[in-house]
PDB file of all heavy atoms in Angstrom:
ATOM      1  N   ALA A   1       2.851  -9.267   3.651  1.00  0.00           N
ATOM      2  CA  ALA A   1       3.825  -8.185   3.533  1.00  0.00           C
ATOM      3  C   ALA A   1       3.486  -7.043   4.486  1.00  0.00           C
ATOM      4  O   ALA A   1       2.362  -6.941   4.977  1.00  0.00           O
ATOM      5  CB  ALA A   1       3.838  -7.658   2.100  1.00  0.00           C
ATOM      6  N   ILE A   2       4.478  -6.211   4.718  1.00  0.00           N
ATOM      7  CA  ILE A   2       4.226  -4.916   5.339  1.00  0.00           C
ATOM      8  C   ILE A   2       4.754  -3.853   4.387  1.00  0.00           C
ATOM      9  O   ILE A   2       5.625  -4.123   3.552  1.00  0.00           O
ATOM     10  CB  ILE A   2       4.840  -4.762   6.743  1.00  0.00           C
ATOM     11  CG1 ILE A   2       6.352  -4.869   6.724  1.00  0.00           C
ATOM     12  CG2 ILE A   2       4.243  -5.760   7.705  1.00  0.00           C
ATOM     13  CD1 ILE A   2       6.981  -4.492   8.060  1.00  0.00           C
ATOM     14  N   LEU A   3       4.212  -2.659   4.516  1.00  0.00           N
ATOM     15  CA  LEU A   3       4.550  -1.558   3.621  1.00  0.00           C
ATOM     16  C   LEU A   3       5.029  -0.371   4.438  1.00  0.00           C
ATOM     17  O   LEU A   3       4.349   0.065   5.360  1.00  0.00           O
ATOM     18  CB  LEU A   3       3.313  -1.162   2.801  1.00  0.00           C
ATOM     19  CG  LEU A   3       3.377   0.113   1.967  1.00  0.00           C
ATOM     20  CD1 LEU A   3       4.431   0.021   0.875  1.00  0.00           C
ATOM     21  CD2 LEU A   3       2.006   0.406   1.360  1.00  0.00           C
ATOM     22  N   PHE A   4       6.224   0.108   4.116  1.00  0.00           N
ATOM     23  CA  PHE A   4       6.731   1.365   4.658  1.00  0.00           C
ATOM     24  C   PHE A   4       6.568   2.404   3.562  1.00  0.00           C
ATOM     25  O   PHE A   4       7.120   2.252   2.475  1.00  0.00           O
ATOM     26  CB  PHE A   4       8.202   1.236   5.063  1.00  0.00           C
ATOM     27  CG  PHE A   4       8.417   0.294   6.209  1.00  0.00           C
ATOM     28  CD1 PHE A   4       9.026  -0.924   6.010  1.00  0.00           C
ATOM     29  CD2 PHE A   4       7.999   0.624   7.480  1.00  0.00           C
ATOM     30  CE1 PHE A   4       9.230  -1.804   7.061  1.00  0.00           C
ATOM     31  CE2 PHE A   4       8.186  -0.244   8.545  1.00  0.00           C
ATOM     32  CZ  PHE A   4       8.801  -1.462   8.336  1.00  0.00           C
ATOM     33  N   ARG A   5       5.814   3.438   3.865  1.00  0.00           N
ATOM     34  CA  ARG A   5       5.447   4.389   2.827  1.00  0.00           C
ATOM     35  C   ARG A   5       5.994   5.784   3.081  1.00  0.00           C
ATOM     36  O   ARG A   5       6.115   6.232   4.198  1.00  0.00           O
ATOM     37  CB  ARG A   5       3.943   4.467   2.688  1.00  0.00           C
ATOM     38  CG  ARG A   5       3.255   5.056   3.909  1.00  0.00           C
ATOM     39  CD  ARG A   5       1.864   5.503   3.643  1.00  0.00           C
ATOM     40  NE  ARG A   5       1.849   6.657   2.756  1.00  0.00           N
ATOM     41  CZ  ARG A   5       0.757   7.240   2.316  1.00  0.00           C
ATOM     42  NH1 ARG A   5      -0.414   6.798   2.663  1.00  0.00           N
ATOM     43  NH2 ARG A   5       0.820   8.277   1.525  1.00  0.00           N
ATOM     44  N   GLY A   6       6.313   6.423   1.971  1.00  0.00           N
ATOM     45  CA  GLY A   6       6.612   7.843   2.002  1.00  0.00           C
ATOM     46  C   GLY A   6       5.309   8.601   1.802  1.00  0.00           C
ATOM     47  O   GLY A   6       4.298   8.025   1.398  1.00  0.00           O
ATOM     48  N   SER A   7       5.350   9.883   2.114  1.00  0.00           N
ATOM     49  CA  SER A   7       4.155  10.716   1.940  1.00  0.00           C
ATOM     50  C   SER A   7       4.522  11.969   1.163  1.00  0.00           C
ATOM     51  O   SER A   7       5.500  12.633   1.481  1.00  0.00           O
ATOM     52  CB  SER A   7       3.579  11.125   3.300  1.00  0.00           C
ATOM     53  OG  SER A   7       3.108  10.003   3.990  1.00  0.00           O
ATOM     54  N   PHE A   8       3.755  12.227   0.155  1.00  0.00           N
ATOM     55  CA  PHE A   8       3.892  13.449  -0.641  1.00  0.00           C
ATOM     56  C   PHE A   8       2.528  13.719  -1.249  1.00  0.00           C
ATOM     57  O   PHE A   8       1.669  12.815  -1.275  1.00  0.00           O
ATOM     58  CB  PHE A   8       4.979  13.298  -1.716  1.00  0.00           C
ATOM     59  CG  PHE A   8       4.803  12.112  -2.617  1.00  0.00           C
ATOM     60  CD1 PHE A   8       4.017  12.194  -3.761  1.00  0.00           C
ATOM     61  CD2 PHE A   8       5.423  10.902  -2.332  1.00  0.00           C
ATOM     62  CE1 PHE A   8       3.845  11.095  -4.596  1.00  0.00           C
ATOM     63  CE2 PHE A   8       5.264   9.805  -3.168  1.00  0.00           C
ATOM     64  CZ  PHE A   8       4.472   9.905  -4.293  1.00  0.00           C
ATOM     65  N   PRO A   9       2.279  14.924  -1.697  1.00  0.00           N
ATOM     66  CA  PRO A   9       0.953  15.208  -2.288  1.00  0.00           C
ATOM     67  C   PRO A   9       0.632  14.224  -3.408  1.00  0.00           C
ATOM     68  O   PRO A   9       1.431  14.024  -4.323  1.00  0.00           O
ATOM     69  CB  PRO A   9       1.114  16.630  -2.822  1.00  0.00           C
ATOM     70  CG  PRO A   9       2.184  17.244  -1.974  1.00  0.00           C
ATOM     71  CD  PRO A   9       3.142  16.111  -1.677  1.00  0.00           C
ATOM     72  N   GLY A  10      -0.491  13.563  -3.288  1.00  0.00           N
ATOM     73  CA  GLY A  10      -0.913  12.587  -4.292  1.00  0.00           C
ATOM     74  C   GLY A  10      -0.483  11.164  -4.007  1.00  0.00           C
ATOM     75  O   GLY A  10      -0.860  10.245  -4.739  1.00  0.00           O
ATOM     76  N   SER A  11       0.297  10.947  -2.939  1.00  0.00           N
ATOM     77  CA  SER A  11       0.796   9.594  -2.668  1.00  0.00           C
ATOM     78  C   SER A  11      -0.308   8.629  -2.258  1.00  0.00           C
ATOM     79  O   SER A  11      -0.170   7.419  -2.444  1.00  0.00           O
ATOM     80  CB  SER A  11       1.893   9.623  -1.603  1.00  0.00           C
ATOM     81  OG  SER A  11       1.401  10.129  -0.377  1.00  0.00           O
ATOM     82  N   GLY A  12      -1.397   9.145  -1.719  1.00  0.00           N
ATOM     83  CA  GLY A  12      -2.499   8.283  -1.297  1.00  0.00           C
ATOM     84  C   GLY A  12      -3.048   7.434  -2.433  1.00  0.00           C
ATOM     85  O   GLY A  12      -3.397   6.266  -2.232  1.00  0.00           O
ATOM     86  N   ALA A  13      -3.110   8.002  -3.635  1.00  0.00           N
ATOM     87  CA  ALA A  13      -3.610   7.239  -4.788  1.00  0.00           C
ATOM     88  C   ALA A  13      -2.688   6.062  -5.110  1.00  0.00           C
ATOM     89  O   ALA A  13      -3.160   4.979  -5.472  1.00  0.00           O
ATOM     90  CB  ALA A  13      -3.739   8.150  -6.003  1.00  0.00           C
ATOM     91  N   TYR A  14      -1.384   6.261  -4.941  1.00  0.00           N
ATOM     92  CA  TYR A  14      -0.436   5.167  -5.194  1.00  0.00           C
ATOM     93  C   TYR A  14      -0.562   4.089  -4.126  1.00  0.00           C
ATOM     94  O   TYR A  14      -0.489   2.891  -4.429  1.00  0.00           O
ATOM     95  CB  TYR A  14       1.004   5.695  -5.249  1.00  0.00           C
ATOM     96  CG  TYR A  14       1.256   6.569  -6.438  1.00  0.00           C
ATOM     97  CD1 TYR A  14       1.371   7.947  -6.293  1.00  0.00           C
ATOM     98  CD2 TYR A  14       1.372   6.027  -7.713  1.00  0.00           C
ATOM     99  CE1 TYR A  14       1.599   8.762  -7.387  1.00  0.00           C
ATOM    100  CE2 TYR A  14       1.604   6.832  -8.816  1.00  0.00           C
ATOM    101  CZ  TYR A  14       1.716   8.200  -8.642  1.00  0.00           C
ATOM    102  OH  TYR A  14       1.938   8.998  -9.726  1.00  0.00           O
ATOM    103  N   ILE A  15      -0.767   4.504  -2.883  1.00  0.00           N
ATOM    104  CA  ILE A  15      -0.945   3.531  -1.808  1.00  0.00           C
ATOM    105  C   ILE A  15      -2.206   2.711  -2.060  1.00  0.00           C
ATOM    106  O   ILE A  15      -2.212   1.489  -1.868  1.00  0.00           O
ATOM    107  CB  ILE A  15      -0.988   4.231  -0.429  1.00  0.00           C
ATOM    108  CG1 ILE A  15       0.339   4.956  -0.153  1.00  0.00           C
ATOM    109  CG2 ILE A  15      -1.322   3.245   0.680  1.00  0.00           C
ATOM    110  CD1 ILE A  15       1.569   4.070  -0.185  1.00  0.00           C
ATOM    111  N   ASP A  16      -3.265   3.370  -2.512  1.00  0.00           N
ATOM    112  CA  ASP A  16      -4.498   2.651  -2.867  1.00  0.00           C
ATOM    113  C   ASP A  16      -4.238   1.628  -3.971  1.00  0.00           C
ATOM    114  O   ASP A  16      -4.729   0.493  -3.913  1.00  0.00           O
ATOM    115  CB  ASP A  16      -5.591   3.625  -3.311  1.00  0.00           C
ATOM    116  CG  ASP A  16      -6.111   4.487  -2.180  1.00  0.00           C
ATOM    117  OD1 ASP A  16      -5.867   4.160  -0.999  1.00  0.00           O
ATOM    118  OD2 ASP A  16      -6.771   5.514  -2.484  1.00  0.00           O
ATOM    119  N   LEU A  17      -3.460   2.018  -4.971  1.00  0.00           N
ATOM    120  CA  LEU A  17      -3.125   1.107  -6.071  1.00  0.00           C
ATOM    121  C   LEU A  17      -2.294  -0.067  -5.566  1.00  0.00           C
ATOM    122  O   LEU A  17      -2.541  -1.223  -5.930  1.00  0.00           O
ATOM    123  CB  LEU A  17      -2.377   1.856  -7.174  1.00  0.00           C
ATOM    124  CG  LEU A  17      -1.919   1.036  -8.370  1.00  0.00           C
ATOM    125  CD1 LEU A  17      -3.108   0.418  -9.106  1.00  0.00           C
ATOM    126  CD2 LEU A  17      -1.113   1.906  -9.321  1.00  0.00           C
ATOM    127  N   ILE A  18      -1.335   0.212  -4.704  1.00  0.00           N
ATOM    128  CA  ILE A  18      -0.495  -0.851  -4.148  1.00  0.00           C
ATOM    129  C   ILE A  18      -1.347  -1.834  -3.353  1.00  0.00           C
ATOM    130  O   ILE A  18      -1.255  -3.051  -3.548  1.00  0.00           O
ATOM    131  CB  ILE A  18       0.629  -0.255  -3.274  1.00  0.00           C
ATOM    132  CG1 ILE A  18       1.639   0.499  -4.147  1.00  0.00           C
ATOM    133  CG2 ILE A  18       1.328  -1.355  -2.458  1.00  0.00           C
ATOM    134  CD1 ILE A  18       2.609   1.368  -3.365  1.00  0.00           C
ATOM    135  N   THR A  19      -2.184  -1.321  -2.462  1.00  0.00           N
ATOM    136  CA  THR A  19      -2.987  -2.219  -1.617  1.00  0.00           C
ATOM    137  C   THR A  19      -3.985  -3.027  -2.435  1.00  0.00           C
ATOM    138  O   THR A  19      -4.171  -4.219  -2.186  1.00  0.00           O
ATOM    139  CB  THR A  19      -3.702  -1.445  -0.492  1.00  0.00           C
ATOM    140  OG1 THR A  19      -4.517  -0.422  -1.055  1.00  0.00           O
ATOM    141  CG2 THR A  19      -2.704  -0.811   0.463  1.00  0.00           C
ATOM    142  N   SER A  20      -4.604  -2.407  -3.433  1.00  0.00           N
ATOM    143  CA  SER A  20      -5.560  -3.165  -4.251  1.00  0.00           C
ATOM    144  C   SER A  20      -4.846  -4.213  -5.108  1.00  0.00           C
ATOM    145  O   SER A  20      -5.358  -5.323  -5.284  1.00  0.00           O
ATOM    146  CB  SER A  20      -6.416  -2.231  -5.113  1.00  0.00           C
ATOM    147  OG  SER A  20      -5.641  -1.594  -6.094  1.00  0.00           O
ATOM    148  N   SER A  21      -3.667  -3.891  -5.616  1.00  0.00           N
ATOM    149  CA  SER A  21      -2.906  -4.867  -6.410  1.00  0.00           C
ATOM    150  C   SER A  21      -2.479  -6.053  -5.562  1.00  0.00           C
ATOM    151  O   SER A  21      -2.534  -7.201  -6.012  1.00  0.00           O
ATOM    152  CB  SER A  21      -1.677  -4.210  -7.034  1.00  0.00           C
ATOM    153  OG  SER A  21      -2.057  -3.273  -8.006  1.00  0.00           O
ATOM    154  N   LEU A  22      -2.052  -5.773  -4.328  1.00  0.00           N
ATOM    155  CA  LEU A  22      -1.659  -6.869  -3.436  1.00  0.00           C
ATOM    156  C   LEU A  22      -2.851  -7.755  -3.122  1.00  0.00           C
ATOM    157  O   LEU A  22      -2.745  -8.989  -3.119  1.00  0.00           O
ATOM    158  CB  LEU A  22      -1.049  -6.311  -2.149  1.00  0.00           C
ATOM    159  CG  LEU A  22       0.290  -5.591  -2.297  1.00  0.00           C
ATOM    160  CD1 LEU A  22       0.689  -4.948  -0.981  1.00  0.00           C
ATOM    161  CD2 LEU A  22       1.370  -6.523  -2.800  1.00  0.00           C
ATOM    162  N   LYS A  23      -3.992  -7.129  -2.861  1.00  0.00           N
ATOM    163  CA  LYS A  23      -5.205  -7.895  -2.547  1.00  0.00           C
ATOM    164  C   LYS A  23      -5.594  -8.794  -3.716  1.00  0.00           C
ATOM    165  O   LYS A  23      -5.932  -9.964  -3.523  1.00  0.00           O
ATOM    166  CB  LYS A  23      -6.349  -6.932  -2.205  1.00  0.00           C
ATOM    167  CG  LYS A  23      -7.572  -7.618  -1.678  1.00  0.00           C
ATOM    168  CD  LYS A  23      -8.620  -6.606  -1.246  1.00  0.00           C
ATOM    169  CE  LYS A  23      -9.827  -7.302  -0.673  1.00  0.00           C
ATOM    170  NZ  LYS A  23     -10.843  -6.367  -0.194  1.00  0.00           N
ATOM    171  N   LYS A  24      -5.529  -8.260  -4.947  1.00  0.00           N
ATOM    172  CA  LYS A  24      -5.841  -9.057  -6.134  1.00  0.00           C
ATOM    173  C   LYS A  24      -4.908 -10.259  -6.265  1.00  0.00           C
ATOM    174  O   LYS A  24      -5.294 -11.300  -6.782  1.00  0.00           O
ATOM    175  CB  LYS A  24      -5.727  -8.204  -7.399  1.00  0.00           C
ATOM    176  CG  LYS A  24      -6.844  -7.243  -7.609  1.00  0.00           C
ATOM    177  CD  LYS A  24      -6.596  -6.433  -8.872  1.00  0.00           C
ATOM    178  CE  LYS A  24      -7.518  -5.242  -8.975  1.00  0.00           C
ATOM    179  NZ  LYS A  24      -7.168  -4.356 -10.114  1.00  0.00           N
ATOM    180  N   SER A  25      -3.675 -10.087  -5.794  1.00  0.00           N
ATOM    181  CA  SER A  25      -2.681 -11.161  -5.874  1.00  0.00           C
ATOM    182  C   SER A  25      -2.778 -12.129  -4.711  1.00  0.00           C
ATOM    183  O   SER A  25      -1.979 -13.060  -4.612  1.00  0.00           O
ATOM    184  CB  SER A  25      -1.266 -10.565  -5.918  1.00  0.00           C
ATOM    185  OG  SER A  25      -1.102  -9.794  -7.077  1.00  0.00           O
ATOM    186  N   GLY A  26      -3.709 -11.886  -3.790  1.00  0.00           N
ATOM    187  CA  GLY A  26      -3.870 -12.768  -2.640  1.00  0.00           C
ATOM    188  C   GLY A  26      -2.840 -12.555  -1.549  1.00  0.00           C
ATOM    189  O   GLY A  26      -2.600 -13.440  -0.731  1.00  0.00           O
ATOM    190  N   ILE A  27      -2.232 -11.375  -1.531  1.00  0.00           N
ATOM    191  CA  ILE A  27      -1.213 -11.068  -0.528  1.00  0.00           C
ATOM    192  C   ILE A  27      -1.851 -10.253   0.594  1.00  0.00           C
ATOM    193  O   ILE A  27      -2.480  -9.229   0.345  1.00  0.00           O
ATOM    194  CB  ILE A  27      -0.041 -10.291  -1.159  1.00  0.00           C
ATOM    195  CG1 ILE A  27       0.641 -11.167  -2.222  1.00  0.00           C
ATOM    196  CG2 ILE A  27       0.954  -9.837  -0.086  1.00  0.00           C
ATOM    197  CD1 ILE A  27       1.638 -10.440  -3.078  1.00  0.00           C
ATOM    198  N   ALA A  28      -1.690 -10.739   1.814  1.00  0.00           N
ATOM    199  CA  ALA A  28      -2.207 -10.020   2.981  1.00  0.00           C
ATOM    200  C   ALA A  28      -1.235  -8.904   3.341  1.00  0.00           C
ATOM    201  O   ALA A  28      -0.019  -9.110   3.354  1.00  0.00           O
ATOM    202  CB  ALA A  28      -2.357 -10.973   4.153  1.00  0.00           C
ATOM    203  N   LEU A  29      -1.764  -7.746   3.623  1.00  0.00           N
ATOM    204  CA  LEU A  29      -0.946  -6.619   4.034  1.00  0.00           C
ATOM    205  C   LEU A  29      -1.083  -6.481   5.551  1.00  0.00           C
ATOM    206  O   LEU A  29      -2.141  -6.116   6.062  1.00  0.00           O
ATOM    207  CB  LEU A  29      -1.400  -5.352   3.310  1.00  0.00           C
ATOM    208  CG  LEU A  29      -0.488  -4.140   3.390  1.00  0.00           C
ATOM    209  CD1 LEU A  29       0.923  -4.474   2.899  1.00  0.00           C
ATOM    210  CD2 LEU A  29      -1.057  -3.008   2.559  1.00  0.00           C
ATOM    211  N   ALA A  30      -0.025  -6.833   6.266  1.00  0.00           N
ATOM    212  CA  ALA A  30      -0.047  -6.849   7.726  1.00  0.00           C
ATOM    213  C   ALA A  30       0.013  -5.460   8.336  1.00  0.00           C
ATOM    214  O   ALA A  30      -0.200  -5.318   9.531  1.00  0.00           O
ATOM    215  CB  ALA A  30       1.105  -7.696   8.256  1.00  0.00           C
ATOM    216  N   GLY A  31       0.294  -4.463   7.542  1.00  0.00           N
ATOM    217  CA  GLY A  31       0.314  -3.104   8.055  1.00  0.00           C
ATOM    218  C   GLY A  31       0.960  -2.148   7.089  1.00  0.00           C
ATOM    219  O   GLY A  31       1.770  -2.532   6.248  1.00  0.00           O
ATOM    220  N   ILE A  32       0.559  -0.896   7.220  1.00  0.00           N
ATOM    221  CA  ILE A  32       1.161   0.200   6.461  1.00  0.00           C
ATOM    222  C   ILE A  32       1.759   1.143   7.496  1.00  0.00           C
ATOM    223  O   ILE A  32       1.058   1.616   8.400  1.00  0.00           O
ATOM    224  CB  ILE A  32       0.118   0.939   5.605  1.00  0.00           C
ATOM    225  CG1 ILE A  32      -0.533  -0.017   4.609  1.00  0.00           C
ATOM    226  CG2 ILE A  32       0.768   2.113   4.877  1.00  0.00           C
ATOM    227  CD1 ILE A  32      -1.679   0.590   3.813  1.00  0.00           C
ATOM    228  N   PHE A  33       3.045   1.395   7.382  1.00  0.00           N
ATOM    229  CA  PHE A  33       3.764   2.191   8.361  1.00  0.00           C
ATOM    230  C   PHE A  33       4.430   3.384   7.691  1.00  0.00           C
ATOM    231  O   PHE A  33       4.873   3.292   6.543  1.00  0.00           O
ATOM    232  CB  PHE A  33       4.834   1.348   9.051  1.00  0.00           C
ATOM    233  CG  PHE A  33       4.280   0.136   9.738  1.00  0.00           C
ATOM    234  CD1 PHE A  33       4.172  -1.072   9.071  1.00  0.00           C
ATOM    235  CD2 PHE A  33       3.841   0.221  11.049  1.00  0.00           C
ATOM    236  CE1 PHE A  33       3.650  -2.188   9.699  1.00  0.00           C
ATOM    237  CE2 PHE A  33       3.310  -0.887  11.688  1.00  0.00           C
ATOM    238  CZ  PHE A  33       3.213  -2.096  11.013  1.00  0.00           C
ATOM    239  N   LYS A  34       4.515   4.464   8.432  1.00  0.00           N
ATOM    240  CA  LYS A  34       5.217   5.651   7.962  1.00  0.00           C
ATOM    241  C   LYS A  34       6.682   5.291   7.768  1.00  0.00           C
ATOM    242  O   LYS A  34       7.304   4.670   8.623  1.00  0.00           O
ATOM    243  CB  LYS A  34       5.077   6.770   8.988  1.00  0.00           C
ATOM    244  CG  LYS A  34       5.711   8.062   8.571  1.00  0.00           C
ATOM    245  CD  LYS A  34       5.469   9.130   9.626  1.00  0.00           C
ATOM    246  CE  LYS A  34       6.158  10.422   9.191  1.00  0.00           C
ATOM    247  NZ  LYS A  34       6.021  11.444  10.230  1.00  0.00           N
TER     248      LYS A  34
END
């Protein structure tokens, strides 16, 4: 997958949760883009 992310105060914690959840599911994250 690739991830297009929004940015707001505190959004980094959600991105961390998303990336760790994907990793646990065996999904490769090809990139995180603004």
